[in-house]
N, C-alpha and C. Protein backbone atom coordinates (compact mmCIF):
# COMPACT_ATOMS: atom_id res chain seq x y z
N MET A 1 -3.98 -1.98 21.34
CA MET A 1 -4.59 -2.27 20.05
C MET A 1 -4.07 -3.62 19.58
N HIS A 2 -4.96 -4.45 19.10
CA HIS A 2 -4.57 -5.77 18.62
C HIS A 2 -3.68 -5.65 17.39
N ARG A 3 -2.88 -6.70 17.17
CA ARG A 3 -1.95 -6.68 16.04
C ARG A 3 -2.69 -6.53 14.72
N GLY A 4 -3.80 -7.23 14.56
CA GLY A 4 -4.54 -7.17 13.31
C GLY A 4 -5.13 -5.80 13.05
N LEU A 5 -5.63 -5.15 14.11
CA LEU A 5 -6.19 -3.82 13.94
C LEU A 5 -5.10 -2.80 13.64
N ARG A 6 -3.93 -2.98 14.25
CA ARG A 6 -2.80 -2.10 13.95
C ARG A 6 -2.40 -2.25 12.48
N ALA A 7 -2.39 -3.49 11.99
CA ALA A 7 -2.06 -3.72 10.59
C ALA A 7 -3.14 -3.17 9.67
N LEU A 8 -4.39 -3.20 10.12
CA LEU A 8 -5.49 -2.67 9.33
C LEU A 8 -5.39 -1.15 9.19
N VAL A 9 -4.85 -0.49 10.19
CA VAL A 9 -4.68 0.96 10.14
C VAL A 9 -3.40 1.33 9.39
N LEU A 10 -2.31 0.63 9.68
CA LEU A 10 -1.03 0.98 9.07
C LEU A 10 -0.87 0.49 7.64
N GLY A 11 -1.64 -0.52 7.24
CA GLY A 11 -1.52 -1.07 5.89
C GLY A 11 -1.81 -0.05 4.80
N PRO A 12 -2.98 0.62 4.85
CA PRO A 12 -3.24 1.63 3.80
C PRO A 12 -2.27 2.80 3.82
N VAL A 13 -1.81 3.19 5.01
CA VAL A 13 -0.83 4.28 5.09
C VAL A 13 0.48 3.85 4.44
N ALA A 14 0.91 2.62 4.72
CA ALA A 14 2.14 2.10 4.11
C ALA A 14 1.96 1.94 2.61
N GLY A 15 0.78 1.51 2.17
CA GLY A 15 0.53 1.37 0.73
C GLY A 15 0.56 2.70 0.01
N LEU A 16 0.00 3.74 0.63
CA LEU A 16 0.04 5.07 0.03
C LEU A 16 1.47 5.59 -0.04
N CYS A 17 2.23 5.39 1.02
CA CYS A 17 3.63 5.81 1.02
C CYS A 17 4.42 5.04 -0.04
N ALA A 18 4.13 3.74 -0.19
CA ALA A 18 4.83 2.94 -1.20
C ALA A 18 4.50 3.41 -2.61
N ALA A 19 3.25 3.82 -2.84
CA ALA A 19 2.88 4.33 -4.16
C ALA A 19 3.65 5.61 -4.49
N VAL A 20 3.78 6.51 -3.51
CA VAL A 20 4.51 7.76 -3.74
C VAL A 20 6.00 7.48 -3.93
N VAL A 21 6.55 6.56 -3.13
CA VAL A 21 7.97 6.21 -3.28
C VAL A 21 8.22 5.58 -4.65
N ALA A 22 7.34 4.69 -5.10
CA ALA A 22 7.50 4.08 -6.42
C ALA A 22 7.40 5.14 -7.51
N TRP A 23 6.49 6.10 -7.33
CA TRP A 23 6.33 7.18 -8.30
C TRP A 23 7.65 7.92 -8.50
N TYR A 24 8.33 8.24 -7.39
CA TYR A 24 9.57 9.00 -7.49
C TYR A 24 10.76 8.15 -7.87
N LEU A 25 10.80 6.89 -7.47
CA LEU A 25 11.92 6.04 -7.84
C LEU A 25 11.90 5.68 -9.32
N ILE A 26 10.71 5.50 -9.88
CA ILE A 26 10.63 5.19 -11.31
C ILE A 26 10.97 6.42 -12.14
N GLY A 27 10.51 7.56 -11.75
CA GLY A 27 10.80 8.79 -12.48
C GLY A 27 9.97 8.92 -13.74
N ASP A 28 10.19 10.01 -14.46
CA ASP A 28 9.44 10.27 -15.68
C ASP A 28 9.93 9.33 -16.77
N VAL A 29 9.03 8.59 -17.36
CA VAL A 29 9.39 7.64 -18.42
C VAL A 29 9.00 8.14 -19.80
N GLY A 30 8.57 9.38 -19.89
CA GLY A 30 8.20 9.96 -21.18
C GLY A 30 9.44 10.24 -22.02
N THR A 31 9.37 9.90 -23.31
CA THR A 31 10.50 10.16 -24.20
C THR A 31 10.20 11.26 -25.19
N ALA A 32 8.95 11.51 -25.47
CA ALA A 32 8.56 12.56 -26.41
C ALA A 32 8.08 13.77 -25.60
N PRO A 33 8.86 14.87 -25.57
CA PRO A 33 8.50 15.98 -24.70
C PRO A 33 7.18 16.66 -25.05
N ALA A 34 6.92 16.93 -26.32
CA ALA A 34 5.71 17.66 -26.67
C ALA A 34 4.75 16.84 -27.52
N ASP A 35 5.27 15.87 -28.23
CA ASP A 35 4.44 15.12 -29.17
C ASP A 35 3.74 13.93 -28.53
N GLY A 36 4.16 13.55 -27.36
CA GLY A 36 3.60 12.37 -26.72
C GLY A 36 2.16 12.57 -26.28
N ILE A 37 1.45 11.47 -26.21
CA ILE A 37 0.06 11.49 -25.76
C ILE A 37 0.04 10.94 -24.35
N ARG A 38 -0.65 11.62 -23.46
CA ARG A 38 -0.79 11.15 -22.09
C ARG A 38 -2.20 10.62 -21.89
N VAL A 39 -2.29 9.48 -21.21
CA VAL A 39 -3.60 8.97 -20.84
C VAL A 39 -4.16 9.85 -19.72
N LEU A 40 -3.32 10.19 -18.76
CA LEU A 40 -3.68 11.06 -17.63
C LEU A 40 -2.57 12.08 -17.43
N ASP A 41 -2.91 13.23 -16.91
CA ASP A 41 -1.89 14.20 -16.51
C ASP A 41 -1.40 13.83 -15.12
N PRO A 42 -0.09 14.04 -14.85
CA PRO A 42 0.41 13.72 -13.51
C PRO A 42 -0.26 14.60 -12.46
N PRO A 43 -0.44 14.06 -11.25
CA PRO A 43 -1.04 14.87 -10.18
C PRO A 43 -0.16 16.05 -9.83
N LEU A 44 -0.76 17.21 -9.68
CA LEU A 44 -0.01 18.42 -9.37
C LEU A 44 0.64 18.34 -8.00
N ALA A 45 -0.01 17.65 -7.07
CA ALA A 45 0.53 17.54 -5.71
C ALA A 45 1.86 16.78 -5.70
N LEU A 46 2.05 15.85 -6.63
CA LEU A 46 3.30 15.09 -6.67
C LEU A 46 4.39 15.80 -7.45
N GLU A 47 4.04 16.83 -8.18
CA GLU A 47 5.03 17.52 -9.00
C GLU A 47 5.55 18.82 -8.38
N VAL A 48 4.95 19.29 -7.28
CA VAL A 48 5.33 20.58 -6.71
C VAL A 48 6.69 20.50 -6.03
N LEU A 49 6.83 19.65 -5.03
CA LEU A 49 8.10 19.45 -4.33
C LEU A 49 8.49 17.98 -4.43
N PRO A 50 9.05 17.57 -5.53
CA PRO A 50 9.24 16.14 -5.75
C PRO A 50 10.17 15.47 -4.74
N TRP A 51 11.29 16.04 -4.45
CA TRP A 51 12.23 15.36 -3.56
C TRP A 51 11.73 15.35 -2.12
N LEU A 52 11.11 16.44 -1.67
CA LEU A 52 10.61 16.50 -0.30
C LEU A 52 9.47 15.50 -0.08
N THR A 53 8.56 15.43 -1.04
CA THR A 53 7.45 14.48 -0.93
C THR A 53 7.97 13.05 -0.95
N GLY A 54 8.94 12.77 -1.79
CA GLY A 54 9.51 11.42 -1.85
C GLY A 54 10.21 11.02 -0.56
N VAL A 55 10.94 11.95 0.04
CA VAL A 55 11.64 11.66 1.30
C VAL A 55 10.64 11.43 2.43
N VAL A 56 9.60 12.27 2.50
CA VAL A 56 8.58 12.11 3.54
C VAL A 56 7.85 10.78 3.37
N ALA A 57 7.52 10.42 2.13
CA ALA A 57 6.84 9.15 1.89
C ALA A 57 7.74 7.96 2.22
N GLY A 58 9.02 8.06 1.92
CA GLY A 58 9.96 6.99 2.28
C GLY A 58 10.09 6.83 3.78
N ALA A 59 10.15 7.94 4.50
CA ALA A 59 10.21 7.86 5.96
C ALA A 59 8.92 7.28 6.53
N GLY A 60 7.78 7.66 5.96
CA GLY A 60 6.51 7.10 6.41
C GLY A 60 6.43 5.60 6.16
N LEU A 61 6.94 5.16 5.02
CA LEU A 61 6.94 3.74 4.71
C LEU A 61 7.82 2.96 5.69
N VAL A 62 8.98 3.48 6.00
CA VAL A 62 9.87 2.81 6.95
C VAL A 62 9.23 2.76 8.34
N CYS A 63 8.59 3.84 8.76
CA CYS A 63 7.94 3.86 10.09
C CYS A 63 6.79 2.85 10.15
N CYS A 64 6.01 2.76 9.09
CA CYS A 64 4.90 1.80 9.08
C CYS A 64 5.40 0.37 9.13
N VAL A 65 6.44 0.08 8.39
CA VAL A 65 6.97 -1.28 8.39
C VAL A 65 7.59 -1.61 9.74
N LEU A 66 8.30 -0.67 10.34
CA LEU A 66 8.90 -0.91 11.65
C LEU A 66 7.86 -1.08 12.75
N ALA A 67 6.69 -0.49 12.58
CA ALA A 67 5.64 -0.58 13.60
C ALA A 67 5.05 -1.97 13.69
N VAL A 68 5.11 -2.75 12.63
CA VAL A 68 4.50 -4.09 12.65
C VAL A 68 5.50 -5.21 12.46
N VAL A 69 6.79 -4.89 12.38
CA VAL A 69 7.77 -5.92 12.07
C VAL A 69 8.02 -6.87 13.24
N LYS A 70 7.53 -6.54 14.43
CA LYS A 70 7.72 -7.41 15.59
C LYS A 70 7.03 -8.75 15.39
N ARG A 71 5.88 -8.73 14.80
CA ARG A 71 5.11 -9.94 14.56
C ARG A 71 4.92 -10.12 13.06
N TRP A 72 5.43 -11.22 12.53
CA TRP A 72 5.34 -11.45 11.09
C TRP A 72 3.91 -11.69 10.65
N ALA A 73 3.07 -12.27 11.50
CA ALA A 73 1.68 -12.51 11.10
C ALA A 73 0.95 -11.18 10.91
N ALA A 74 1.23 -10.21 11.75
CA ALA A 74 0.59 -8.90 11.61
C ALA A 74 1.21 -8.10 10.48
N ALA A 75 2.41 -8.46 10.06
CA ALA A 75 3.07 -7.74 8.97
C ALA A 75 2.56 -8.14 7.61
N SER A 76 1.91 -9.30 7.49
CA SER A 76 1.48 -9.76 6.17
C SER A 76 0.45 -8.83 5.52
N PRO A 77 -0.54 -8.26 6.24
CA PRO A 77 -1.42 -7.30 5.57
C PRO A 77 -0.68 -6.04 5.12
N VAL A 78 0.29 -5.62 5.90
CA VAL A 78 1.05 -4.43 5.54
C VAL A 78 1.89 -4.70 4.30
N VAL A 79 2.48 -5.88 4.22
CA VAL A 79 3.27 -6.24 3.04
C VAL A 79 2.38 -6.28 1.80
N LEU A 80 1.18 -6.83 1.93
CA LEU A 80 0.27 -6.86 0.79
C LEU A 80 -0.12 -5.44 0.35
N CYS A 81 -0.34 -4.55 1.30
CA CYS A 81 -0.67 -3.17 0.96
C CYS A 81 0.52 -2.44 0.32
N VAL A 82 1.73 -2.75 0.77
CA VAL A 82 2.92 -2.15 0.17
C VAL A 82 3.08 -2.62 -1.28
N VAL A 83 2.87 -3.90 -1.52
CA VAL A 83 2.95 -4.42 -2.90
C VAL A 83 1.88 -3.76 -3.78
N ALA A 84 0.68 -3.60 -3.24
CA ALA A 84 -0.38 -2.93 -3.99
C ALA A 84 -0.01 -1.47 -4.25
N GLY A 85 0.60 -0.81 -3.29
CA GLY A 85 1.04 0.57 -3.47
C GLY A 85 2.12 0.70 -4.53
N LEU A 86 3.08 -0.25 -4.53
CA LEU A 86 4.11 -0.23 -5.57
C LEU A 86 3.50 -0.42 -6.95
N LEU A 87 2.50 -1.28 -7.03
CA LEU A 87 1.81 -1.51 -8.30
C LEU A 87 1.05 -0.27 -8.75
N VAL A 88 0.42 0.42 -7.83
CA VAL A 88 -0.31 1.65 -8.16
C VAL A 88 0.67 2.75 -8.59
N GLY A 89 1.81 2.87 -7.92
CA GLY A 89 2.82 3.86 -8.32
C GLY A 89 3.36 3.59 -9.71
N TRP A 90 3.59 2.32 -10.00
CA TRP A 90 4.06 1.93 -11.33
C TRP A 90 2.98 2.22 -12.38
N ALA A 91 1.75 1.89 -12.06
CA ALA A 91 0.64 2.16 -12.98
C ALA A 91 0.51 3.66 -13.22
N GLY A 92 0.70 4.45 -12.19
CA GLY A 92 0.63 5.90 -12.35
C GLY A 92 1.69 6.42 -13.30
N ARG A 93 2.89 5.91 -13.20
CA ARG A 93 3.95 6.34 -14.12
C ARG A 93 3.69 5.88 -15.55
N VAL A 94 3.15 4.68 -15.71
CA VAL A 94 2.84 4.19 -17.06
C VAL A 94 1.72 5.02 -17.67
N MET A 95 0.71 5.34 -16.87
CA MET A 95 -0.43 6.08 -17.41
C MET A 95 -0.14 7.54 -17.67
N THR A 96 0.89 8.10 -17.04
CA THR A 96 1.22 9.51 -17.27
C THR A 96 2.45 9.68 -18.15
N ALA A 97 2.92 8.62 -18.78
CA ALA A 97 4.08 8.72 -19.66
C ALA A 97 3.68 9.39 -20.96
N ALA A 98 4.49 10.34 -21.39
CA ALA A 98 4.23 11.04 -22.64
C ALA A 98 5.01 10.36 -23.76
N VAL A 99 4.52 9.22 -24.19
CA VAL A 99 5.16 8.46 -25.27
C VAL A 99 4.09 8.00 -26.26
N ILE A 100 4.56 7.62 -27.42
CA ILE A 100 3.64 7.05 -28.39
C ILE A 100 3.26 5.66 -27.90
N GLY A 101 2.00 5.36 -27.89
CA GLY A 101 1.51 4.07 -27.39
C GLY A 101 1.16 4.09 -25.92
N ALA A 102 1.12 5.28 -25.32
CA ALA A 102 0.78 5.38 -23.90
C ALA A 102 -0.66 4.96 -23.65
N ASN A 103 -1.50 5.11 -24.67
CA ASN A 103 -2.88 4.70 -24.48
C ASN A 103 -2.99 3.18 -24.34
N ILE A 104 -2.11 2.44 -24.98
CA ILE A 104 -2.14 0.98 -24.86
C ILE A 104 -1.61 0.56 -23.48
N GLY A 105 -0.46 1.10 -23.08
CA GLY A 105 0.10 0.75 -21.77
C GLY A 105 -0.78 1.19 -20.63
N GLY A 106 -1.34 2.40 -20.75
CA GLY A 106 -2.24 2.90 -19.71
C GLY A 106 -3.50 2.06 -19.61
N GLY A 107 -4.03 1.67 -20.76
CA GLY A 107 -5.23 0.82 -20.75
C GLY A 107 -4.96 -0.54 -20.14
N LEU A 108 -3.80 -1.12 -20.44
CA LEU A 108 -3.46 -2.42 -19.84
C LEU A 108 -3.27 -2.30 -18.33
N MET A 109 -2.66 -1.21 -17.89
CA MET A 109 -2.50 -1.03 -16.45
C MET A 109 -3.84 -0.83 -15.76
N MET A 110 -4.77 -0.16 -16.43
CA MET A 110 -6.10 0.03 -15.83
C MET A 110 -6.90 -1.27 -15.84
N LEU A 111 -6.68 -2.10 -16.85
CA LEU A 111 -7.43 -3.36 -16.94
C LEU A 111 -6.85 -4.46 -16.06
N VAL A 112 -5.53 -4.47 -15.90
CA VAL A 112 -4.89 -5.57 -15.17
C VAL A 112 -4.28 -5.10 -13.85
N GLY A 113 -3.51 -4.03 -13.89
CA GLY A 113 -2.76 -3.60 -12.70
C GLY A 113 -3.61 -3.09 -11.56
N LEU A 114 -4.54 -2.20 -11.85
CA LEU A 114 -5.34 -1.63 -10.77
C LEU A 114 -6.32 -2.63 -10.16
N PRO A 115 -6.98 -3.51 -10.94
CA PRO A 115 -7.79 -4.56 -10.28
C PRO A 115 -6.95 -5.51 -9.43
N LEU A 116 -5.72 -5.80 -9.87
CA LEU A 116 -4.84 -6.65 -9.07
C LEU A 116 -4.49 -5.95 -7.75
N ALA A 117 -4.25 -4.65 -7.79
CA ALA A 117 -3.98 -3.90 -6.56
C ALA A 117 -5.20 -3.92 -5.64
N GLY A 118 -6.39 -3.81 -6.21
CA GLY A 118 -7.61 -3.88 -5.41
C GLY A 118 -7.78 -5.24 -4.76
N ILE A 119 -7.45 -6.30 -5.48
CA ILE A 119 -7.54 -7.65 -4.91
C ILE A 119 -6.53 -7.81 -3.78
N LEU A 120 -5.32 -7.28 -3.96
CA LEU A 120 -4.32 -7.35 -2.90
C LEU A 120 -4.78 -6.62 -1.65
N ILE A 121 -5.41 -5.47 -1.81
CA ILE A 121 -5.90 -4.72 -0.65
C ILE A 121 -7.04 -5.47 0.03
N LEU A 122 -7.92 -6.06 -0.76
CA LEU A 122 -9.02 -6.84 -0.19
C LEU A 122 -8.49 -8.03 0.62
N VAL A 123 -7.50 -8.72 0.09
CA VAL A 123 -6.89 -9.84 0.82
C VAL A 123 -6.21 -9.33 2.08
N ALA A 124 -5.58 -8.16 2.03
CA ALA A 124 -4.93 -7.60 3.21
C ALA A 124 -5.95 -7.28 4.30
N VAL A 125 -7.09 -6.72 3.93
CA VAL A 125 -8.13 -6.39 4.91
C VAL A 125 -8.67 -7.66 5.55
N VAL A 126 -8.94 -8.67 4.75
CA VAL A 126 -9.46 -9.94 5.29
C VAL A 126 -8.43 -10.58 6.21
N THR A 127 -7.17 -10.55 5.82
CA THR A 127 -6.10 -11.12 6.65
C THR A 127 -5.99 -10.38 7.98
N ALA A 128 -6.06 -9.05 7.94
CA ALA A 128 -5.98 -8.27 9.19
C ALA A 128 -7.16 -8.55 10.10
N LEU A 129 -8.34 -8.70 9.52
CA LEU A 129 -9.51 -9.02 10.35
C LEU A 129 -9.41 -10.41 10.97
N VAL A 130 -8.88 -11.36 10.23
CA VAL A 130 -8.69 -12.71 10.77
C VAL A 130 -7.67 -12.69 11.91
N ILE A 131 -6.59 -11.93 11.74
CA ILE A 131 -5.57 -11.83 12.80
C ILE A 131 -6.17 -11.18 14.04
N ALA A 132 -6.96 -10.14 13.85
CA ALA A 132 -7.59 -9.47 15.00
C ALA A 132 -8.57 -10.41 15.70
N ARG A 133 -9.32 -11.17 14.94
CA ARG A 133 -10.28 -12.12 15.52
C ARG A 133 -9.55 -13.20 16.33
N ARG A 134 -8.46 -13.72 15.78
CA ARG A 134 -7.67 -14.73 16.51
C ARG A 134 -7.08 -14.16 17.78
N ALA A 135 -6.61 -12.92 17.73
CA ALA A 135 -6.04 -12.29 18.92
C ALA A 135 -7.09 -12.11 20.00
N GLN A 136 -8.31 -11.74 19.60
CA GLN A 136 -9.40 -11.62 20.57
C GLN A 136 -9.72 -12.97 21.18
N ARG A 137 -9.78 -14.00 20.36
CA ARG A 137 -10.10 -15.33 20.86
C ARG A 137 -9.01 -15.82 21.81
N ASP A 138 -7.75 -15.59 21.45
CA ASP A 138 -6.65 -16.02 22.31
C ASP A 138 -6.66 -15.26 23.63
N ALA A 139 -7.02 -13.98 23.60
CA ALA A 139 -7.08 -13.20 24.84
C ALA A 139 -8.20 -13.71 25.75
N ARG A 140 -9.34 -14.08 25.17
CA ARG A 140 -10.44 -14.62 25.96
C ARG A 140 -10.08 -15.98 26.55
N MET A 141 -9.39 -16.79 25.79
CA MET A 141 -9.06 -18.14 26.25
C MET A 141 -7.97 -18.13 27.31
N SER A 142 -7.09 -17.13 27.31
CA SER A 142 -6.00 -17.11 28.26
C SER A 142 -6.37 -16.50 29.61
N LYS A 143 -7.51 -15.80 29.71
CA LYS A 143 -7.93 -15.23 30.99
C LYS A 143 -8.39 -16.35 31.92
N PRO A 144 -7.97 -16.28 33.18
CA PRO A 144 -8.41 -17.31 34.12
C PRO A 144 -9.91 -17.15 34.43
N ASP A 145 -10.55 -18.24 34.65
CA ASP A 145 -11.98 -18.25 34.97
C ASP A 145 -12.14 -17.87 36.43
N PRO A 146 -12.80 -16.75 36.76
CA PRO A 146 -12.93 -16.34 38.17
C PRO A 146 -13.79 -17.30 38.99
N SER A 147 -14.71 -18.01 38.36
CA SER A 147 -15.56 -18.92 39.12
C SER A 147 -14.80 -20.17 39.54
N ALA A 148 -13.71 -20.51 38.85
CA ALA A 148 -12.96 -21.70 39.21
C ALA A 148 -12.12 -21.49 40.46
N THR A 149 -11.72 -20.24 40.74
CA THR A 149 -10.88 -19.98 41.91
C THR A 149 -11.71 -19.66 43.16
N ALA A 150 -12.94 -19.23 42.99
CA ALA A 150 -13.79 -18.87 44.14
C ALA A 150 -14.42 -20.12 44.73
N MET A 151 -14.39 -20.27 46.07
CA MET A 151 -15.00 -21.43 46.71
C MET A 151 -16.00 -21.02 47.71
């Protein structure tokens, strides 16, 4: 598998793992236990086994990064997806915080943070496709021409 295609597959997986890791590392930022207003309720899947899910996501993130760290050019889409995942995890914690003014912070994260994460993912996909295209071109150019050796 070409480096760019590997990064195209591992990038979203690493971004998802980064979002879950950021979710658990930031922790609950709510200060008002019952009186706070939530923009969104936290996902039930992330609240069932918090430490186990965080550990599995951290291990997945490390495995994804180690899979592409051999080539820095192929690692750039994965790094962009990880940054987007960290931004999504942070946005998730801001939007699910039970505090006064959560509607303002959640709205700002939806207006600024999530579109920025989408742009980062779009740039990562384009970068991975360019890397894959260059690898294909380099592979074609490095093959010897069979007609040149036959006499």
